Amino acid sequence: MAKKKQSLFVIYAGPQQQVASGTCYIAHDASPTMMRSKAARFYSFADAKEFAEENRIALNGHTYIGLEDFTDLDMQG
């Protein structure tokens, strides 16, 4: 059975050049996490930006919004 992929917005915490290994995300409680499954996920850029503003997360070259692909299995966790 093929796994469907869905692209969702996440907030990364770390240099943009380091996305592959050692990726750090912002979790639902606005804390940093290395666990992809704990990353806060958003269906739109605007929702991610609003979350950042509400939680006083400064978006810049070190903390930024980007797209991440999640499979159905990822979404269950």
C-alpha atoms as a PDB file:
ATOM      1  CA  MET A   1       0.000   0.000   0.000  1.00  0.00           C
ATOM      2  CA  ALA A   2       1.459   3.335  -1.061  1.00  0.00           C
ATOM      3  CA  LYS A   3       1.944   5.964   1.579  1.00  0.00           C
ATOM      4  CA  LYS A   4       0.322   9.293   0.756  1.00  0.00           C
ATOM      5  CA  LYS A   5       2.384  12.399   1.416  1.00  0.00           C
ATOM      6  CA  GLN A   6       1.026  15.708   2.561  1.00  0.00           C
ATOM      7  CA  SER A   7       3.056  18.897   2.740  1.00  0.00           C
ATOM      8  CA  LEU A   8       2.424  20.949   5.865  1.00  0.00           C
ATOM      9  CA  PHE A   9       4.048  24.074   7.212  1.00  0.00           C
ATOM     10  CA  VAL A  10       6.295  23.786  10.254  1.00  0.00           C
ATOM     11  CA  ILE A  11       8.485  26.266  12.081  1.00  0.00           C
ATOM     12  CA  TYR A  12      12.166  25.343  11.993  1.00  0.00           C
ATOM     13  CA  ALA A  13      14.538  26.452  14.721  1.00  0.00           C
ATOM     14  CA  GLY A  14      18.071  26.444  13.353  1.00  0.00           C
ATOM     15  CA  PRO A  15      20.135  27.612  10.403  1.00  0.00           C
ATOM     16  CA  GLN A  16      18.401  27.125   7.045  1.00  0.00           C
ATOM     17  CA  GLN A  17      21.459  25.355   5.638  1.00  0.00           C
ATOM     18  CA  GLN A  18      21.170  22.608   8.285  1.00  0.00           C
ATOM     19  CA  VAL A  19      17.674  21.323   7.415  1.00  0.00           C
ATOM     20  CA  ALA A  20      18.812  17.771   6.535  1.00  0.00           C
ATOM     21  CA  SER A  21      20.542  16.586   9.702  1.00  0.00           C
ATOM     22  CA  GLY A  22      19.961  17.820  13.202  1.00  0.00           C
ATOM     23  CA  THR A  23      16.737  19.584  12.311  1.00  0.00           C
ATOM     24  CA  CYS A  24      15.039  21.345  15.180  1.00  0.00           C
ATOM     25  CA  TYR A  25      11.341  22.243  15.085  1.00  0.00           C
ATOM     26  CA  ILE A  26       8.977  24.324  17.185  1.00  0.00           C
ATOM     27  CA  ALA A  27       6.444  22.146  19.031  1.00  0.00           C
ATOM     28  CA  HIS A  28       2.780  22.895  19.858  1.00  0.00           C
ATOM     29  CA  ASP A  29       3.824  24.298  23.232  1.00  0.00           C
ATOM     30  CA  ALA A  30       6.223  26.688  21.427  1.00  0.00           C
ATOM     31  CA  SER A  31       9.306  24.895  22.748  1.00  0.00           C
ATOM     32  CA  PRO A  32      12.088  23.590  20.492  1.00  0.00           C
ATOM     33  CA  THR A  33      12.084  19.867  19.733  1.00  0.00           C
ATOM     34  CA  MET A  34      14.285  17.541  17.723  1.00  0.00           C
ATOM     35  CA  MET A  35      11.379  15.102  17.329  1.00  0.00           C
ATOM     36  CA  ARG A  36       9.635  15.568  13.996  1.00  0.00           C
ATOM     37  CA  SER A  37       6.497  13.920  15.382  1.00  0.00           C
ATOM     38  CA  LYS A  38       6.225  16.672  18.031  1.00  0.00           C
ATOM     39  CA  ALA A  39       6.533  19.541  15.527  1.00  0.00           C
ATOM     40  CA  ALA A  40       3.576  21.894  15.324  1.00  0.00           C
ATOM     41  CA  ARG A  41       2.022  21.466  11.855  1.00  0.00           C
ATOM     42  CA  PHE A  42      -0.026  23.998   9.947  1.00  0.00           C
ATOM     43  CA  TYR A  43      -2.105  23.830   6.774  1.00  0.00           C
ATOM     44  CA  SER A  44      -1.208  27.388   5.761  1.00  0.00           C
ATOM     45  CA  PHE A  45       1.722  29.777   6.032  1.00  0.00           C
ATOM     46  CA  ALA A  46      -0.633  32.320   7.624  1.00  0.00           C
ATOM     47  CA  ASP A  47      -1.575  29.869  10.411  1.00  0.00           C
ATOM     48  CA  ALA A  48       2.100  29.179  11.145  1.00  0.00           C
ATOM     49  CA  LYS A  49       2.881  32.902  11.182  1.00  0.00           C
ATOM     50  CA  GLU A  50      -0.050  33.601  13.514  1.00  0.00           C
ATOM     51  CA  PHE A  51       1.148  30.838  15.884  1.00  0.00           C
ATOM     52  CA  ALA A  52       4.628  32.383  15.876  1.00  0.00           C
ATOM     53  CA  GLU A  53       3.242  35.841  16.642  1.00  0.00           C
ATOM     54  CA  GLU A  54       0.953  34.574  19.428  1.00  0.00           C
ATOM     55  CA  ASN A  55       3.866  32.736  21.045  1.00  0.00           C
ATOM     56  CA  ARG A  56       6.358  35.579  20.532  1.00  0.00           C
ATOM     57  CA  ILE A  57       8.558  33.498  18.241  1.00  0.00           C
ATOM     58  CA  ALA A  58      10.745  35.828  16.185  1.00  0.00           C
ATOM     59  CA  LEU A  59      10.883  34.696  12.557  1.00  0.00           C
ATOM     60  CA  ASN A  60      14.274  35.346  10.996  1.00  0.00           C
ATOM     61  CA  GLY A  61      17.105  33.459   9.291  1.00  0.00           C
ATOM     62  CA  HIS A  62      17.429  31.175  12.303  1.00  0.00           C
ATOM     63  CA  THR A  63      13.740  30.534  13.051  1.00  0.00           C
ATOM     64  CA  TYR A  64      11.615  30.274   9.939  1.00  0.00           C
ATOM     65  CA  ILE A  65       8.526  28.702   8.372  1.00  0.00           C
ATOM     66  CA  GLY A  66       8.944  25.999   5.766  1.00  0.00           C
ATOM     67  CA  LEU A  67       7.199  23.023   4.179  1.00  0.00           C
ATOM     68  CA  GLU A  68       7.755  19.478   5.408  1.00  0.00           C
ATOM     69  CA  ASP A  69       6.354  16.299   3.850  1.00  0.00           C
ATOM     70  CA  PHE A  70       4.433  14.002   6.194  1.00  0.00           C
ATOM     71  CA  THR A  71       3.082  10.531   5.366  1.00  0.00           C
ATOM     72  CA  ASP A  72      -0.214   9.129   6.617  1.00  0.00           C
ATOM     73  CA  LEU A  73       1.800   7.234   9.234  1.00  0.00           C
ATOM     74  CA  ASP A  74       3.416  10.487  10.427  1.00  0.00           C
ATOM     75  CA  MET A  75      -0.022  12.068  10.768  1.00  0.00           C
ATOM     76  CA  GLN A  76      -1.259   9.307  13.092  1.00  0.00           C
ATOM     77  CA  GLY A  77       1.378  10.095  15.733  1.00  0.00           C
END
